[in-house]
PDB file of N, CA and C in Angstrom:
ATOM      1  N   UNK A   1      25.073 -24.363 -10.525  1.00  0.00           N
ATOM      2  CA  UNK A   1      23.910 -24.621  -9.699  1.00  0.00           C
ATOM      3  C   UNK A   1      24.122 -25.922  -8.953  1.00  0.00           C
ATOM      4  N   UNK A   2      23.993 -25.921  -7.647  1.00  0.00           N
ATOM      5  CA  UNK A   2      24.197 -27.091  -6.809  1.00  0.00           C
ATOM      6  C   UNK A   2      22.863 -27.796  -6.584  1.00  0.00           C
ATOM      7  N   UNK A   3      22.601 -28.862  -7.360  1.00  0.00           N
ATOM      8  CA  UNK A   3      21.332 -29.572  -7.251  1.00  0.00           C
ATOM      9  C   UNK A   3      21.237 -30.437  -6.003  1.00  0.00           C
ATOM     10  N   UNK A   4      22.370 -30.766  -5.407  1.00  0.00           N
ATOM     11  CA  UNK A   4      22.363 -31.597  -4.209  1.00  0.00           C
ATOM     12  C   UNK A   4      21.579 -30.928  -3.093  1.00  0.00           C
ATOM     13  N   UNK A   5      21.658 -29.612  -2.993  1.00  0.00           N
ATOM     14  CA  UNK A   5      20.987 -28.884  -1.926  1.00  0.00           C
ATOM     15  C   UNK A   5      19.651 -28.286  -2.355  1.00  0.00           C
ATOM     16  N   UNK A   6      19.194 -28.605  -3.567  1.00  0.00           N
ATOM     17  CA  UNK A   6      17.921 -28.059  -4.040  1.00  0.00           C
ATOM     18  C   UNK A   6      16.781 -28.603  -3.189  1.00  0.00           C
ATOM     19  N   UNK A   7      15.921 -27.701  -2.718  1.00  0.00           N
ATOM     20  CA  UNK A   7      14.801 -28.117  -1.893  1.00  0.00           C
ATOM     21  C   UNK A   7      13.515 -28.214  -2.698  1.00  0.00           C
ATOM     22  N   UNK A   8      13.448 -27.519  -3.808  1.00  0.00           N
ATOM     23  CA  UNK A   8      12.242 -27.479  -4.625  1.00  0.00           C
ATOM     24  C   UNK A   8      12.607 -27.631  -6.088  1.00  0.00           C
ATOM     25  N   UNK A   9      11.686 -28.206  -6.838  1.00  0.00           N
ATOM     26  CA  UNK A   9      11.882 -28.360  -8.272  1.00  0.00           C
ATOM     27  C   UNK A   9      10.545 -28.102  -8.941  1.00  0.00           C
ATOM     28  N   UNK A  10      10.545 -27.282  -9.950  1.00  0.00           N
ATOM     29  CA  UNK A  10       9.334 -27.009 -10.721  1.00  0.00           C
ATOM     30  C   UNK A  10       9.501 -27.617 -12.096  1.00  0.00           C
ATOM     31  N   UNK A  11       8.516 -28.375 -12.521  1.00  0.00           N
ATOM     32  CA  UNK A  11       8.539 -28.967 -13.854  1.00  0.00           C
ATOM     33  C   UNK A  11       7.455 -28.279 -14.664  1.00  0.00           C
ATOM     34  N   UNK A  12       7.848 -27.664 -15.749  1.00  0.00           N
ATOM     35  CA  UNK A  12       6.900 -26.943 -16.600  1.00  0.00           C
ATOM     36  C   UNK A  12       6.546 -27.780 -17.819  1.00  0.00           C
ATOM     37  N   UNK A  13       5.358 -27.517 -18.360  1.00  0.00           N
ATOM     38  CA  UNK A  13       4.895 -28.161 -19.593  1.00  0.00           C
ATOM     39  C   UNK A  13       4.912 -29.682 -19.509  1.00  0.00           C
ATOM     40  N   UNK A  14       4.484 -30.198 -18.375  1.00  0.00           N
ATOM     41  CA  UNK A  14       4.421 -31.640 -18.178  1.00  0.00           C
ATOM     42  C   UNK A  14       3.327 -32.210 -19.077  1.00  0.00           C
ATOM     43  N   UNK A  15       3.668 -33.134 -19.964  1.00  0.00           N
ATOM     44  CA  UNK A  15       2.653 -33.704 -20.850  1.00  0.00           C
ATOM     45  C   UNK A  15       1.555 -34.398 -20.039  1.00  0.00           C
ATOM     46  N   UNK A  16       0.343 -34.302 -20.521  1.00  0.00           N
ATOM     47  CA  UNK A  16      -0.792 -34.852 -19.772  1.00  0.00           C
ATOM     48  C   UNK A  16      -0.654 -36.353 -19.570  1.00  0.00           C
ATOM     49  N   UNK A  17      -0.078 -37.072 -20.542  1.00  0.00           N
ATOM     50  CA  UNK A  17       0.070 -38.518 -20.366  1.00  0.00           C
ATOM     51  C   UNK A  17       1.064 -38.854 -19.259  1.00  0.00           C
ATOM     52  N   UNK A  18       2.075 -38.004 -19.069  1.00  0.00           N
ATOM     53  CA  UNK A  18       3.030 -38.199 -17.974  1.00  0.00           C
ATOM     54  C   UNK A  18       2.352 -37.887 -16.649  1.00  0.00           C
ATOM     55  N   UNK A  19       1.602 -36.802 -16.614  1.00  0.00           N
ATOM     56  CA  UNK A  19       0.860 -36.443 -15.410  1.00  0.00           C
ATOM     57  C   UNK A  19      -0.117 -37.549 -15.022  1.00  0.00           C
ATOM     58  N   UNK A  20      -0.847 -38.063 -16.000  1.00  0.00           N
ATOM     59  CA  UNK A  20      -1.801 -39.144 -15.736  1.00  0.00           C
ATOM     60  C   UNK A  20      -1.090 -40.381 -15.196  1.00  0.00           C
ATOM     61  N   UNK A  21       0.054 -40.715 -15.796  1.00  0.00           N
ATOM     62  CA  UNK A  21       0.812 -41.888 -15.361  1.00  0.00           C
ATOM     63  C   UNK A  21       1.329 -41.700 -13.937  1.00  0.00           C
ATOM     64  N   UNK A  22       1.792 -40.491 -13.619  1.00  0.00           N
ATOM     65  CA  UNK A  22       2.254 -40.212 -12.254  1.00  0.00           C
ATOM     66  C   UNK A  22       1.127 -40.373 -11.241  1.00  0.00           C
ATOM     67  N   UNK A  23      -0.043 -39.883 -11.575  1.00  0.00           N
ATOM     68  CA  UNK A  23      -1.173 -39.988 -10.653  1.00  0.00           C
ATOM     69  C   UNK A  23      -1.623 -41.442 -10.497  1.00  0.00           C
ATOM     70  N   UNK A  24      -1.577 -42.215 -11.577  1.00  0.00           N
ATOM     71  CA  UNK A  24      -1.906 -43.641 -11.474  1.00  0.00           C
ATOM     72  C   UNK A  24      -0.907 -44.353 -10.569  1.00  0.00           C
ATOM     73  N   UNK A  25       0.366 -44.033 -10.768  1.00  0.00           N
ATOM     74  CA  UNK A  25       1.412 -44.655  -9.953  1.00  0.00           C
ATOM     75  C   UNK A  25       1.288 -44.235  -8.494  1.00  0.00           C
ATOM     76  N   UNK A  26       0.957 -42.972  -8.249  1.00  0.00           N
ATOM     77  CA  UNK A  26       0.757 -42.493  -6.880  1.00  0.00           C
ATOM     78  C   UNK A  26      -0.352 -43.284  -6.199  1.00  0.00           C
ATOM     79  N   UNK A  27      -1.467 -43.481  -6.912  1.00  0.00           N
ATOM     80  CA  UNK A  27      -2.583 -44.242  -6.333  1.00  0.00           C
ATOM     81  C   UNK A  27      -2.185 -45.701  -6.098  1.00  0.00           C
ATOM     82  N   UNK A  28      -1.454 -46.276  -7.060  1.00  0.00           N
ATOM     83  CA  UNK A  28      -1.031 -47.661  -6.921  1.00  0.00           C
ATOM     84  C   UNK A  28      -0.144 -47.858  -5.690  1.00  0.00           C
ATOM     85  N   UNK A  29       0.755 -46.905  -5.475  1.00  0.00           N
ATOM     86  CA  UNK A  29       1.677 -46.995  -4.340  1.00  0.00           C
ATOM     87  C   UNK A  29       1.041 -46.565  -3.023  1.00  0.00           C
ATOM     88  N   UNK A  30      -0.004 -45.760  -3.126  1.00  0.00           N
ATOM     89  CA  UNK A  30      -0.621 -45.253  -1.905  1.00  0.00           C
ATOM     90  C   UNK A  30       0.242 -44.220  -1.202  1.00  0.00           C
ATOM     91  N   UNK A  31       1.000 -43.454  -1.989  1.00  0.00           N
ATOM     92  CA  UNK A  31       1.879 -42.434  -1.416  1.00  0.00           C
ATOM     93  C   UNK A  31       1.510 -41.071  -2.002  1.00  0.00           C
ATOM     94  N   UNK A  32       2.155 -40.052  -1.493  1.00  0.00           N
ATOM     95  CA  UNK A  32       1.927 -38.713  -2.031  1.00  0.00           C
ATOM     96  C   UNK A  32       2.561 -38.602  -3.412  1.00  0.00           C
ATOM     97  N   UNK A  33       2.117 -37.632  -4.166  1.00  0.00           N
ATOM     98  CA  UNK A  33       2.693 -37.396  -5.487  1.00  0.00           C
ATOM     99  C   UNK A  33       4.174 -37.044  -5.349  1.00  0.00           C
ATOM    100  N   UNK A  34       4.520 -36.235  -4.366  1.00  0.00           N
ATOM    101  CA  UNK A  34       5.910 -35.850  -4.138  1.00  0.00           C
ATOM    102  C   UNK A  34       6.774 -37.082  -3.865  1.00  0.00           C
ATOM    103  N   UNK A  35       6.324 -37.968  -2.972  1.00  0.00           N
ATOM    104  CA  UNK A  35       7.075 -39.181  -2.629  1.00  0.00           C
ATOM    105  C   UNK A  35       7.220 -40.075  -3.865  1.00  0.00           C
ATOM    106  N   UNK A  36       6.143 -40.185  -4.637  1.00  0.00           N
ATOM    107  CA  UNK A  36       6.169 -41.006  -5.840  1.00  0.00           C
ATOM    108  C   UNK A  36       7.203 -40.489  -6.828  1.00  0.00           C
ATOM    109  N   UNK A  37       7.210 -39.175  -7.080  1.00  0.00           N
ATOM    110  CA  UNK A  37       8.167 -38.581  -8.023  1.00  0.00           C
ATOM    111  C   UNK A  37       9.591 -38.781  -7.537  1.00  0.00           C
ATOM    112  N   UNK A  38       9.830 -38.557  -6.261  1.00  0.00           N
ATOM    113  CA  UNK A  38      11.184 -38.743  -5.714  1.00  0.00           C
ATOM    114  C   UNK A  38      11.625 -40.186  -5.872  1.00  0.00           C
ATOM    115  N   UNK A  39      10.756 -41.138  -5.534  1.00  0.00           N
ATOM    116  CA  UNK A  39      11.107 -42.557  -5.657  1.00  0.00           C
ATOM    117  C   UNK A  39      11.368 -42.942  -7.110  1.00  0.00           C
ATOM    118  N   UNK A  40      10.549 -42.446  -8.041  1.00  0.00           N
ATOM    119  CA  UNK A  40      10.753 -42.750  -9.457  1.00  0.00           C
ATOM    120  C   UNK A  40      12.049 -42.134  -9.976  1.00  0.00           C
ATOM    121  N   UNK A  41      12.357 -40.922  -9.539  1.00  0.00           N
ATOM    122  CA  UNK A  41      13.622 -40.297  -9.938  1.00  0.00           C
ATOM    123  C   UNK A  41      14.806 -41.079  -9.395  1.00  0.00           C
ATOM    124  N   UNK A  42      14.748 -41.471  -8.134  1.00  0.00           N
ATOM    125  CA  UNK A  42      15.829 -42.273  -7.535  1.00  0.00           C
ATOM    126  C   UNK A  42      16.035 -43.556  -8.335  1.00  0.00           C
ATOM    127  N   UNK A  43      14.923 -44.242  -8.609  1.00  0.00           N
ATOM    128  CA  UNK A  43      14.983 -45.512  -9.324  1.00  0.00           C
ATOM    129  C   UNK A  43      15.566 -45.337 -10.721  1.00  0.00           C
ATOM    130  N   UNK A  44      15.076 -44.359 -11.465  1.00  0.00           N
ATOM    131  CA  UNK A  44      15.532 -44.193 -12.852  1.00  0.00           C
ATOM    132  C   UNK A  44      16.967 -43.690 -12.934  1.00  0.00           C
ATOM    133  N   UNK A  45      17.429 -42.984 -11.918  1.00  0.00           N
ATOM    134  CA  UNK A  45      18.789 -42.445 -11.924  1.00  0.00           C
ATOM    135  C   UNK A  45      19.791 -43.356 -11.220  1.00  0.00           C
ATOM    136  N   UNK A  46      19.292 -44.457 -10.642  1.00  0.00           N
ATOM    137  CA  UNK A  46      20.178 -45.386  -9.954  1.00  0.00           C
ATOM    138  C   UNK A  46      20.717 -44.845  -8.646  1.00  0.00           C
ATOM    139  N   UNK A  47      19.960 -43.944  -8.020  1.00  0.00           N
ATOM    140  CA  UNK A  47      20.363 -43.373  -6.742  1.00  0.00           C
ATOM    141  C   UNK A  47      19.751 -44.225  -5.632  1.00  0.00           C
ATOM    142  N   UNK A  48      20.572 -44.633  -4.682  1.00  0.00           N
ATOM    143  CA  UNK A  48      20.054 -45.486  -3.618  1.00  0.00           C
ATOM    144  C   UNK A  48      19.008 -44.745  -2.802  1.00  0.00           C
ATOM    145  N   UNK A  49      18.119 -45.495  -2.294  1.00  0.00           N
ATOM    146  CA  UNK A  49      17.041 -44.939  -1.492  1.00  0.00           C
ATOM    147  C   UNK A  49      16.048 -46.029  -1.163  1.00  0.00           C
ATOM    148  N   UNK A  50      15.007 -45.680  -0.502  1.00  0.00           N
ATOM    149  CA  UNK A  50      13.995 -46.641  -0.108  1.00  0.00           C
ATOM    150  C   UNK A  50      13.000 -46.832  -1.232  1.00  0.00           C
ATOM    151  N   UNK A  51      12.787 -48.081  -1.626  1.00  0.00           N
ATOM    152  CA  UNK A  51      11.759 -48.392  -2.616  1.00  0.00           C
ATOM    153  C   UNK A  51      10.559 -48.941  -1.876  1.00  0.00           C
ATOM    154  N   UNK A  52       9.412 -48.652  -2.396  1.00  0.00           N
ATOM    155  CA  UNK A  52       8.190 -49.131  -1.773  1.00  0.00           C
ATOM    156  C   UNK A  52       7.280 -49.747  -2.820  1.00  0.00           C
ATOM    157  N   UNK A  53       6.714 -50.887  -2.454  1.00  0.00           N
ATOM    158  CA  UNK A  53       5.721 -51.494  -3.337  1.00  0.00           C
ATOM    159  C   UNK A  53       4.309 -51.135  -2.901  1.00  0.00           C
ATOM    160  N   UNK A  54       4.207 -50.279  -1.896  1.00  0.00           N
ATOM    161  CA  UNK A  54       2.904 -49.843  -1.428  1.00  0.00           C
ATOM    162  C   UNK A  54       2.249 -50.786  -0.448  1.00  0.00           C
ATOM    163  N   UNK A  55       2.920 -51.856  -0.096  1.00  0.00           N
ATOM    164  CA  UNK A  55       2.319 -52.838   0.796  1.00  0.00           C
ATOM    165  C   UNK A  55       2.748 -52.679   2.252  1.00  0.00           C
ATOM    166  N   UNK A  56       3.685 -51.806   2.515  1.00  0.00           N
ATOM    167  CA  UNK A  56       4.199 -51.652   3.873  1.00  0.00           C
ATOM    168  C   UNK A  56       3.096 -51.309   4.871  1.00  0.00           C
ATOM    169  N   UNK A  57       2.110 -50.543   4.417  1.00  0.00           N
ATOM    170  CA  UNK A  57       1.046 -50.150   5.339  1.00  0.00           C
ATOM    171  C   UNK A  57       0.184 -51.342   5.748  1.00  0.00           C
ATOM    172  N   UNK A  58       0.289 -52.449   4.992  1.00  0.00           N
ATOM    173  CA  UNK A  58      -0.480 -53.641   5.316  1.00  0.00           C
ATOM    174  C   UNK A  58       0.298 -54.648   6.153  1.00  0.00           C
ATOM    175  N   UNK A  59       1.604 -54.507   6.194  1.00  0.00           N
ATOM    176  CA  UNK A  59       2.453 -55.481   6.879  1.00  0.00           C
ATOM    177  C   UNK A  59       2.139 -55.530   8.371  1.00  0.00           C
ATOM    178  N   UNK A  60       2.026 -56.740   8.857  1.00  0.00           N
ATOM    179  CA  UNK A  60       1.815 -56.939  10.287  1.00  0.00           C
ATOM    180  C   UNK A  60       0.424 -56.589  10.777  1.00  0.00           C
ATOM    181  N   UNK A  61      -0.548 -56.515   9.882  1.00  0.00           N
ATOM    182  CA  UNK A  61      -1.879 -56.105  10.309  1.00  0.00           C
ATOM    183  C   UNK A  61      -2.803 -57.273  10.608  1.00  0.00           C
ATOM    184  N   UNK A  62      -2.391 -58.498  10.287  1.00  0.00           N
ATOM    185  CA  UNK A  62      -3.228 -59.656  10.580  1.00  0.00           C
ATOM    186  C   UNK A  62      -3.013 -60.121  12.015  1.00  0.00           C
ATOM    187  N   UNK A  63      -4.074 -60.578  12.605  1.00  0.00           N
ATOM    188  CA  UNK A  63      -3.941 -61.228  13.906  1.00  0.00           C
ATOM    189  C   UNK A  63      -3.512 -62.668  13.649  1.00  0.00           C
ATOM    190  N   UNK A  64      -3.102 -63.356  14.701  1.00  0.00           N
ATOM    191  CA  UNK A  64      -2.704 -64.761  14.556  1.00  0.00           C
ATOM    192  C   UNK A  64      -3.877 -65.591  14.044  1.00  0.00           C
ATOM    193  N   UNK A  65      -5.078 -65.306  14.517  1.00  0.00           N
ATOM    194  CA  UNK A  65      -6.269 -66.046  14.078  1.00  0.00           C
ATOM    195  C   UNK A  65      -6.548 -65.806  12.597  1.00  0.00           C
ATOM    196  N   UNK A  66      -6.379 -64.569  12.143  1.00  0.00           N
ATOM    197  CA  UNK A  66      -6.591 -64.254  10.725  1.00  0.00           C
ATOM    198  C   UNK A  66      -5.571 -64.975   9.853  1.00  0.00           C
ATOM    199  N   UNK A  67      -4.340 -65.022  10.316  1.00  0.00           N
ATOM    200  CA  UNK A  67      -3.300 -65.718   9.561  1.00  0.00           C
ATOM    201  C   UNK A  67      -3.636 -67.201   9.427  1.00  0.00           C
ATOM    202  N   UNK A  68      -4.034 -67.837  10.532  1.00  0.00           N
ATOM    203  CA  UNK A  68      -4.396 -69.253  10.490  1.00  0.00           C
ATOM    204  C   UNK A  68      -5.579 -69.502   9.569  1.00  0.00           C
ATOM    205  N   UNK A  69      -6.562 -68.616   9.619  1.00  0.00           N
ATOM    206  CA  UNK A  69      -7.734 -68.748   8.742  1.00  0.00           C
ATOM    207  C   UNK A  69      -7.312 -68.638   7.275  1.00  0.00           C
ATOM    208  N   UNK A  70      -6.453 -67.690   6.974  1.00  0.00           N
ATOM    209  CA  UNK A  70      -5.962 -67.520   5.607  1.00  0.00           C
ATOM    210  C   UNK A  70      -5.198 -68.762   5.142  1.00  0.00           C
ATOM    211  N   UNK A  71      -4.287 -69.242   5.975  1.00  0.00           N
ATOM    212  CA  UNK A  71      -3.497 -70.408   5.611  1.00  0.00           C
ATOM    213  C   UNK A  71      -4.373 -71.636   5.387  1.00  0.00           C
ATOM    214  N   UNK A  72      -5.409 -71.783   6.182  1.00  0.00           N
ATOM    215  CA  UNK A  72      -6.314 -72.923   5.995  1.00  0.00           C
ATOM    216  C   UNK A  72      -7.096 -72.793   4.688  1.00  0.00           C
ATOM    217  N   UNK A  73      -7.415 -71.582   4.282  1.00  0.00           N
ATOM    218  CA  UNK A  73      -8.164 -71.360   3.040  1.00  0.00           C
ATOM    219  C   UNK A  73      -7.323 -71.613   1.791  1.00  0.00           C
ATOM    220  N   UNK A  74      -6.009 -71.375   1.873  1.00  0.00           N
ATOM    221  CA  UNK A  74      -5.163 -71.577   0.688  1.00  0.00           C
ATOM    222  C   UNK A  74      -4.556 -72.977   0.636  1.00  0.00           C
ATOM    223  N   UNK A  75      -4.746 -73.766   1.673  1.00  0.00           N
ATOM    224  CA  UNK A  75      -4.173 -75.108   1.708  1.00  0.00           C
ATOM    225  C   UNK A  75      -4.552 -75.943   0.478  1.00  0.00           C
ATOM    226  N   UNK A  76      -5.802 -75.920   0.000  1.00  0.00           N
ATOM    227  CA  UNK A  76      -6.143 -76.716  -1.192  1.00  0.00           C
ATOM    228  C   UNK A  76      -5.313 -76.351  -2.428  1.00  0.00           C
ATOM    229  N   UNK A  77      -4.820 -75.133  -2.507  1.00  0.00           N
ATOM    230  CA  UNK A  77      -4.036 -74.703  -3.661  1.00  0.00           C
ATOM    231  C   UNK A  77      -2.603 -75.230  -3.630  1.00  0.00           C
ATOM    232  N   UNK A  78      -2.195 -75.783  -2.504  1.00  0.00           N
ATOM    233  CA  UNK A  78      -0.846 -76.314  -2.376  1.00  0.00           C
ATOM    234  C   UNK A  78      -0.761 -77.765  -2.835  1.00  0.00           C
ATOM    235  N   UNK A  79      -1.901 -78.403  -3.040  1.00  0.00           N
ATOM    236  CA  UNK A  79      -1.939 -79.800  -3.472  1.00  0.00           C
ATOM    237  C   UNK A  79      -1.748 -79.859  -4.996  1.00  0.00           C
ATOM    238  N   UNK A  80      -0.841 -80.718  -5.423  1.00  0.00           N
ATOM    239  CA  UNK A  80      -0.559 -80.866  -6.843  1.00  0.00           C
ATOM    240  C   UNK A  80      -1.493 -81.931  -7.411  1.00  0.00           C
ATOM    241  N   UNK A  81      -2.137 -81.612  -8.499  1.00  0.00           N
ATOM    242  CA  UNK A  81      -3.013 -82.548  -9.187  1.00  0.00           C
ATOM    243  C   UNK A  81      -2.179 -83.276 -10.239  1.00  0.00           C
ATOM    244  N   UNK A  82      -1.897 -84.579 -10.010  1.00  0.00           N
ATOM    245  CA  UNK A  82      -1.045 -85.320 -10.952  1.00  0.00           C
ATOM    246  C   UNK A  82      -1.628 -85.375 -12.369  1.00  0.00           C
ATOM    247  N   UNK A  83      -2.939 -85.265 -12.504  1.00  0.00           N
ATOM    248  CA  UNK A  83      -3.561 -85.304 -13.825  1.00  0.00           C
ATOM    249  C   UNK A  83      -3.171 -84.093 -14.686  1.00  0.00           C
ATOM    250  N   UNK A  84      -2.862 -82.986 -14.025  1.00  0.00           N
ATOM    251  CA  UNK A  84      -2.473 -81.789 -14.763  1.00  0.00           C
ATOM    252  C   UNK A  84      -1.035 -81.851 -15.271  1.00  0.00           C
ATOM    253  N   UNK A  85      -0.244 -82.795 -14.761  1.00  0.00           N
ATOM    254  CA  UNK A  85       1.172 -82.847 -15.106  1.00  0.00           C
ATOM    255  C   UNK A  85       1.519 -84.040 -15.998  1.00  0.00           C
ATOM    256  N   UNK A  86       0.535 -84.591 -16.681  1.00  0.00           N
ATOM    257  CA  UNK A  86       0.799 -85.706 -17.594  1.00  0.00           C
ATOM    258  C   UNK A  86       1.282 -85.199 -18.928  1.00  0.00           C
TER     259      UNK A  86
END
């Protein structure tokens, strides 16, 4: 059987905890169940491919003004409090 050219795969008797975990991971990634399974199989088998952390859909969505506003809001967190490092 040549799995390289397989277009479909059926998994029978999938344990409910595995199914639940797949659906949680699908929601976390924001991808389809099919894409999630393929990515997880690639990762676990060490097959090269595209990995996604689910954030790509957010990349580049801020305007310049939003970015400046965000940076100004986090500026206080960049200051080191010397009292905490004694």
